[in-house]
Amino acid sequence: FLGDESVQREFFGKYLTIEEKHSKNIIIDATSLPNQSASDFNAWGYASGSVETQFRFHCVVDQVTKKPLFYRHLPGNITDVTTLQTTIQELKKQGFHYNFALMDAGYCSESNIHLLRENNIDFLMRLTAKTRLYQDMMRQHASTLETMSNVVNYGKRTLFAHVVKNDLYGAPGYFYLLLDPEKKVKDIQSLIEKRNVQSEEERDDETDKYLFSKAGIFILISSKEIPKQDILEAYYTRQSIEQIFGFAKDDLDCLPLRCHSEDTIRGYLFLQFLLLIVFIEIRQKLFNHFTVDQAILITSALKCKIYSDQLIIPELTKEQKKIFALADILVPIEITGI
């Protein structure tokens, strides 16, 4: 039943209408769901550094509330960069409107940037290192990053940040070059170790010079200017979607998938998505007081007595009172007329 397309469309039509009032900034990302399903939908793809049969689970999350809003599942051999257009179209068909999208480098391409602009969606994403834009920015600005005027603090971390306004595939864009000193040390050490095992013929001084110059640096691109002292906080909110994927896999036991028909797979993943919404809602209400597992265990000890016309609820423990108060749940002494 849950795998039926009409059921899912009806749910998302109502759910997104409710969430749209504050969901103007979204995060889009994907994770692998390795499995041994016999479905034709399963396909080989990279997962955790190896090649496995899998689905790709694409999720849209509210950047502010951290609530999951929408998902799609695709065969594991479909790359993330090709999925953005359909995701935007489906959200549009559901009547969901937003004006800013945060994405990782897997979605970065010239065509996707044009797509976002055509739909009047501002964006922030990491620039892929293989692009000419990335290489040009590195050669022009990497050597001037480490100055006191470029120092920014993010929590306990200190980084260097420099913003450049430049052409971004036909329209003005903002390039944020960020240097992490700790990562720079690790990258240089890795390059030295790699170079030490290479023969003289394999070494290239120009390549080495470029690789050493970009050690510890990554570049973010945006369609609108964001103060450089705020850029890391804005980008690292993307980690909330990684946390959500962790909840699905670790707390809700999404894996392993033991479904084989396409309808059952669709229903199972939809059920997992619904559970994820409830799990995060509970977790946010109990934040820093109880884990979801603790709250369920403690409240499950509350046993009611049921009579033919009345339900009597016993006294609550101190912890049960606190959980129900955090969750804004009023527990009556009795319920009559059952």
Protein backbone atom coordinates (compact mmCIF):
# COMPACT_ATOMS: atom_id res chain seq x y z
CA PHE A 1 0.00 0.00 0.00
CA LEU A 2 2.74 2.46 0.96
CA GLY A 3 4.54 1.76 -2.30
CA ASP A 4 1.60 3.09 -4.31
CA GLU A 5 2.55 6.28 -6.18
CA SER A 6 -0.81 7.95 -5.49
CA VAL A 7 -0.40 7.43 -1.72
CA GLN A 8 3.05 9.01 -1.75
CA ARG A 9 1.94 11.94 -3.91
CA GLU A 10 -0.98 12.66 -1.59
CA PHE A 11 1.33 12.59 1.44
CA PHE A 12 3.97 14.89 -0.05
CA GLY A 13 1.32 17.27 -1.37
CA LYS A 14 0.00 17.79 2.16
CA TYR A 15 3.32 17.53 4.02
CA LEU A 16 5.19 20.00 1.83
CA THR A 17 2.30 22.46 2.01
CA ILE A 18 2.63 22.43 5.81
CA GLU A 19 6.43 22.75 5.78
CA GLU A 20 6.68 25.34 2.99
CA LYS A 21 5.88 28.27 5.27
CA HIS A 22 9.40 28.13 6.76
CA SER A 23 11.29 25.91 4.30
CA LYS A 24 12.87 28.50 2.01
CA ASN A 25 16.43 27.15 2.28
CA ILE A 26 17.07 23.50 1.49
CA ILE A 27 19.94 21.02 1.46
CA ILE A 28 20.16 18.37 -1.27
CA ASP A 29 22.40 15.33 -0.89
CA ALA A 30 22.46 11.58 -1.46
CA THR A 31 23.71 8.42 0.20
CA SER A 32 24.26 4.83 -0.89
CA LEU A 33 22.01 1.99 0.26
CA PRO A 34 24.01 -1.19 -0.46
CA ASN A 35 21.85 -4.30 -0.69
CA GLN A 36 21.45 -7.71 -2.29
CA SER A 37 17.96 -7.09 -3.64
CA ALA A 38 16.97 -9.09 -6.71
CA SER A 39 15.15 -6.05 -8.12
CA ASP A 40 16.10 -4.81 -11.59
CA PHE A 41 16.26 -1.41 -9.92
CA ASN A 42 19.45 -2.42 -8.09
CA ALA A 43 22.73 -1.46 -9.77
CA TRP A 44 26.47 -1.45 -9.17
CA GLY A 45 27.95 1.73 -7.76
CA TYR A 46 30.56 3.12 -5.37
CA ALA A 47 29.76 2.89 -1.65
CA SER A 48 32.22 3.42 1.23
CA GLY A 49 35.23 3.11 -1.05
CA SER A 50 34.12 -0.11 -2.74
CA VAL A 51 31.80 -1.15 -5.57
CA GLU A 52 28.53 -2.75 -4.45
CA THR A 53 25.01 -3.27 -5.71
CA GLN A 54 22.96 -0.43 -4.31
CA PHE A 55 20.28 2.22 -4.56
CA ARG A 56 21.05 5.93 -4.31
CA PHE A 57 18.82 7.66 -1.77
CA HIS A 58 18.47 11.38 -2.59
CA CYS A 59 17.05 13.54 0.17
CA VAL A 60 15.92 17.16 0.51
CA VAL A 61 16.21 18.67 4.00
CA ASP A 62 15.14 22.00 5.49
CA GLN A 63 18.36 23.90 6.22
CA VAL A 64 16.85 25.67 9.26
CA THR A 65 14.64 23.07 10.97
CA LYS A 66 16.77 20.08 9.80
CA LYS A 67 13.58 18.20 8.89
CA PRO A 68 13.58 15.83 5.89
CA LEU A 69 11.19 17.16 3.26
CA PHE A 70 11.37 14.89 0.23
CA TYR A 71 13.28 11.93 -1.16
CA ARG A 72 13.89 9.97 -4.33
CA HIS A 73 15.59 6.60 -4.80
CA LEU A 74 17.52 5.73 -7.94
CA PRO A 75 19.73 2.92 -9.23
CA GLY A 76 23.25 3.00 -7.81
CA ASN A 77 24.91 3.61 -11.17
CA ILE A 78 23.24 7.00 -11.71
CA THR A 79 25.58 9.84 -10.75
CA ASP A 80 24.36 12.59 -8.43
CA VAL A 81 25.19 15.37 -10.89
CA THR A 82 22.52 14.12 -13.33
CA THR A 83 19.70 13.99 -10.76
CA LEU A 84 19.20 17.66 -9.88
CA GLN A 85 16.84 18.56 -12.73
CA THR A 86 14.31 15.83 -11.91
CA THR A 87 14.46 16.63 -8.18
CA ILE A 88 13.68 20.30 -8.92
CA GLN A 89 10.86 19.31 -11.28
CA GLU A 90 9.27 16.95 -8.73
CA LEU A 91 9.40 19.55 -5.97
CA LYS A 92 7.83 22.05 -8.34
CA LYS A 93 5.03 19.62 -9.27
CA GLN A 94 4.31 19.17 -5.56
CA GLY A 95 3.86 22.95 -5.32
CA PHE A 96 6.91 23.38 -3.08
CA HIS A 97 8.74 26.70 -3.45
CA TYR A 98 12.20 27.58 -2.11
CA ASN A 99 14.86 30.12 -3.01
CA PHE A 100 18.19 28.69 -1.83
CA ALA A 101 19.85 25.27 -2.21
CA LEU A 102 22.98 23.98 -0.47
CA MET A 103 24.79 21.10 -2.19
CA ASP A 104 28.06 19.22 -2.20
CA ALA A 105 30.51 18.94 -5.10
CA GLY A 106 28.66 15.90 -6.49
CA TYR A 107 26.01 18.26 -7.91
CA CYS A 108 28.43 20.86 -9.26
CA SER A 109 28.37 21.28 -13.04
CA GLU A 110 27.89 24.08 -15.53
CA SER A 111 24.51 22.70 -16.61
CA ASN A 112 23.25 22.45 -13.02
CA ILE A 113 24.31 26.03 -12.28
CA HIS A 114 22.39 27.21 -15.36
CA LEU A 115 19.42 25.09 -14.20
CA LEU A 116 19.40 26.70 -10.75
CA ARG A 117 19.56 30.19 -12.24
CA GLU A 118 16.72 29.44 -14.67
CA ASN A 119 14.58 28.44 -11.68
CA ASN A 120 15.60 31.53 -9.65
CA ILE A 121 17.28 29.40 -7.00
CA ASP A 122 20.35 30.81 -5.26
CA PHE A 123 22.97 28.22 -4.34
CA LEU A 124 26.08 27.40 -2.37
CA MET A 125 28.14 24.36 -3.34
CA ARG A 126 31.68 23.08 -3.37
CA LEU A 127 33.55 23.51 -6.65
CA THR A 128 34.96 20.28 -8.05
CA ALA A 129 38.76 20.19 -8.25
CA LYS A 130 38.84 18.91 -11.84
CA THR A 131 37.26 22.02 -13.35
CA ARG A 132 39.20 24.75 -15.14
CA LEU A 133 37.57 27.31 -12.84
CA TYR A 134 39.03 25.58 -9.79
CA GLN A 135 42.51 25.35 -11.31
CA ASP A 136 42.48 29.01 -12.41
CA MET A 137 41.40 30.19 -8.96
CA MET A 138 44.13 28.12 -7.33
CA ARG A 139 46.86 29.50 -9.56
CA GLN A 140 45.71 33.10 -9.11
CA HIS A 141 44.91 33.22 -5.39
CA ALA A 142 46.27 30.22 -3.46
CA SER A 143 49.63 31.85 -2.71
CA THR A 144 48.01 34.93 -1.10
CA LEU A 145 45.59 33.14 1.23
CA GLU A 146 47.70 32.95 4.37
CA THR A 147 47.43 36.52 5.67
CA MET A 148 45.97 37.83 8.93
CA SER A 149 43.26 39.71 7.04
CA ASN A 150 41.94 36.36 5.79
CA VAL A 151 41.71 34.67 9.20
CA VAL A 152 38.23 33.40 10.14
CA ASN A 153 37.14 31.35 13.14
CA TYR A 154 34.65 28.51 13.01
CA GLY A 155 34.09 27.14 16.49
CA LYS A 156 37.53 26.14 17.76
CA ARG A 157 38.96 25.98 14.25
CA THR A 158 40.92 28.78 12.61
CA LEU A 159 41.01 28.95 8.81
CA PHE A 160 41.95 31.39 6.07
CA ALA A 161 39.18 32.61 3.76
CA HIS A 162 39.28 34.83 0.70
CA VAL A 163 36.33 35.79 -1.50
CA VAL A 164 36.61 36.59 -5.21
CA LYS A 165 33.80 37.90 -7.41
CA ASN A 166 34.24 36.46 -10.88
CA ASP A 167 32.38 35.12 -13.91
CA LEU A 168 30.65 31.85 -13.05
CA TYR A 169 29.51 30.22 -16.29
CA GLY A 170 28.13 33.38 -17.86
CA ALA A 171 26.96 35.33 -14.82
CA PRO A 172 28.61 36.90 -11.76
CA GLY A 173 29.38 34.51 -8.93
CA TYR A 174 31.33 34.42 -5.69
CA PHE A 175 34.30 32.13 -5.12
CA TYR A 176 35.33 31.38 -1.54
CA LEU A 177 38.84 29.97 -1.20
CA LEU A 178 39.23 28.33 2.21
CA LEU A 179 42.46 27.00 3.66
CA ASP A 180 42.43 24.65 6.63
CA PRO A 181 45.96 24.64 8.18
CA GLU A 182 45.46 21.23 9.81
CA LYS A 183 44.33 19.68 6.54
CA LYS A 184 47.22 21.36 4.74
CA VAL A 185 49.72 19.52 6.96
CA LYS A 186 48.02 16.18 6.30
CA ASP A 187 47.79 16.79 2.55
CA ILE A 188 51.47 17.75 2.30
CA GLN A 189 52.53 14.70 4.31
CA SER A 190 50.46 12.49 2.00
CA LEU A 191 52.04 14.11 -1.08
CA ILE A 192 55.54 13.60 0.30
CA GLU A 193 54.87 9.93 1.04
CA LYS A 194 53.46 9.42 -2.44
CA ARG A 195 56.40 11.21 -4.07
CA ASN A 196 58.93 9.13 -2.11
CA VAL A 197 57.69 5.90 -3.70
CA GLN A 198 57.70 7.32 -7.25
CA SER A 199 60.57 6.86 -9.66
CA GLU A 200 62.36 9.84 -11.25
CA GLU A 201 60.44 9.26 -14.50
CA GLU A 202 57.07 9.45 -12.71
CA ARG A 203 57.81 12.75 -11.01
CA ASP A 204 56.84 16.09 -12.50
CA ASP A 205 57.95 19.32 -10.85
CA GLU A 206 55.13 21.44 -12.28
CA THR A 207 52.49 18.98 -11.10
CA ASP A 208 54.13 18.78 -7.68
CA LYS A 209 54.19 22.56 -7.41
CA TYR A 210 50.47 22.79 -8.19
CA LEU A 211 49.53 19.96 -5.80
CA PHE A 212 51.55 21.47 -2.94
CA SER A 213 50.05 24.92 -3.58
CA LYS A 214 46.48 23.63 -3.19
CA ALA A 215 47.12 21.47 -0.11
CA GLY A 216 44.41 22.06 2.50
CA ILE A 217 42.36 24.32 0.22
CA PHE A 218 38.80 23.88 -0.98
CA ILE A 219 36.60 26.30 -2.93
CA LEU A 220 32.93 27.10 -2.44
CA ILE A 221 30.88 28.89 -5.08
CA SER A 222 27.70 30.88 -4.57
CA SER A 223 25.29 32.91 -6.65
CA LYS A 224 25.01 35.51 -3.92
CA GLU A 225 27.52 37.15 -1.62
CA ILE A 226 27.80 35.68 1.86
CA PRO A 227 30.09 37.34 4.44
CA LYS A 228 33.27 35.27 4.56
CA GLN A 229 33.06 34.96 8.34
CA ASP A 230 29.68 33.23 7.87
CA ILE A 231 30.49 31.05 4.86
CA LEU A 232 31.75 28.03 6.82
CA GLU A 233 28.73 27.97 9.12
CA ALA A 234 26.45 28.22 6.08
CA TYR A 235 28.22 25.39 4.27
CA TYR A 236 28.65 23.06 7.24
CA THR A 237 24.91 23.02 7.92
CA ARG A 238 25.12 20.45 5.11
CA GLN A 239 26.38 18.04 7.77
CA SER A 240 22.86 17.86 9.16
CA ILE A 241 21.80 15.79 6.16
CA GLU A 242 24.73 13.42 6.76
CA GLN A 243 23.47 13.06 10.31
CA ILE A 244 19.99 12.26 9.00
CA PHE A 245 21.42 9.52 6.78
CA GLY A 246 23.16 8.18 9.89
CA PHE A 247 19.86 8.11 11.81
CA ALA A 248 18.21 6.13 9.00
CA LYS A 249 21.01 3.56 8.80
CA ASP A 250 22.05 3.24 12.44
CA ASP A 251 19.04 4.16 14.60
CA LEU A 252 16.18 3.05 12.34
CA ASP A 253 17.94 0.00 10.86
CA CYS A 254 17.19 0.98 7.28
CA LEU A 255 19.86 -1.51 6.18
CA PRO A 256 19.95 -4.22 5.11
CA LEU A 257 17.08 -4.05 2.64
CA ARG A 258 15.33 -7.40 2.35
CA CYS A 259 12.83 -6.44 -0.34
CA HIS A 260 12.81 -7.65 -3.92
CA SER A 261 9.73 -6.37 -5.77
CA GLU A 262 9.75 -2.74 -6.85
CA ASP A 263 6.46 -1.96 -5.07
CA THR A 264 7.75 -3.40 -1.80
CA ILE A 265 11.02 -1.52 -2.10
CA ARG A 266 9.15 1.74 -2.73
CA GLY A 267 6.88 1.06 0.25
CA TYR A 268 9.77 0.14 2.55
CA LEU A 269 11.76 3.27 1.72
CA PHE A 270 8.66 5.44 2.12
CA LEU A 271 8.00 3.87 5.54
CA GLN A 272 11.62 4.58 6.50
CA PHE A 273 11.19 8.20 5.41
CA LEU A 274 8.05 8.56 7.57
CA LEU A 275 9.89 7.02 10.54
CA LEU A 276 12.74 9.45 9.95
CA ILE A 277 10.39 12.43 10.17
CA VAL A 278 8.93 11.16 13.47
CA PHE A 279 12.36 10.22 14.87
CA ILE A 280 13.81 13.68 14.19
CA GLU A 281 10.71 15.42 15.56
CA ILE A 282 11.04 13.48 18.83
CA ARG A 283 14.81 13.96 18.96
CA GLN A 284 14.51 17.73 18.55
CA LYS A 285 11.98 17.97 21.38
CA LEU A 286 14.14 15.89 23.72
CA PHE A 287 17.45 17.45 22.64
CA ASN A 288 20.20 17.35 25.32
CA HIS A 289 17.86 15.67 27.81
CA PHE A 290 17.12 12.15 26.51
CA THR A 291 17.92 10.09 23.45
CA VAL A 292 14.94 8.79 21.48
CA ASP A 293 15.74 5.25 22.62
CA GLN A 294 15.85 6.33 26.26
CA ALA A 295 12.53 8.17 25.97
CA ILE A 296 10.80 5.17 24.38
CA LEU A 297 12.20 2.80 26.99
CA ILE A 298 11.19 5.03 29.90
CA THR A 299 7.67 5.82 28.63
CA SER A 300 7.00 2.20 27.62
CA ALA A 301 7.05 1.35 31.34
CA LEU A 302 3.85 3.38 31.78
CA LYS A 303 1.07 0.75 31.88
CA CYS A 304 -2.60 1.67 31.95
CA LYS A 305 -5.49 -0.33 33.40
CA ILE A 306 -8.37 -0.82 30.98
CA TYR A 307 -11.93 -1.32 32.17
CA SER A 308 -15.07 -1.74 30.08
CA ASP A 309 -15.82 1.99 30.07
CA GLN A 310 -12.71 3.63 31.45
CA LEU A 311 -8.93 3.76 31.09
CA ILE A 312 -6.99 4.63 34.26
CA ILE A 313 -3.47 6.00 33.92
CA PRO A 314 -1.12 5.46 36.90
CA GLU A 315 1.21 8.04 38.46
CA LEU A 316 4.09 9.20 36.29
CA THR A 317 7.70 8.90 37.34
CA LYS A 318 9.88 12.00 37.44
CA GLU A 319 11.55 11.07 34.15
CA GLN A 320 8.22 10.30 32.44
CA LYS A 321 6.87 13.69 33.51
CA LYS A 322 9.91 15.41 32.07
CA ILE A 323 9.69 13.55 28.74
CA PHE A 324 5.99 14.31 28.30
CA ALA A 325 6.57 17.97 29.24
CA LEU A 326 9.40 18.29 26.69
CA ALA A 327 7.17 16.71 24.05
CA ASP A 328 4.23 19.03 24.93
CA ILE A 329 2.05 16.00 25.70
CA LEU A 330 -0.62 16.33 28.39
CA VAL A 331 -1.23 12.99 30.13
CA PRO A 332 -4.72 12.70 31.66
CA ILE A 333 -5.52 10.82 34.87
CA GLU A 334 -8.28 8.87 33.18
CA ILE A 335 -10.06 8.47 29.86
CA THR A 336 -13.75 7.60 29.90
CA GLY A 337 -16.23 6.59 27.22
CA ILE A 338 -13.93 4.09 25.53
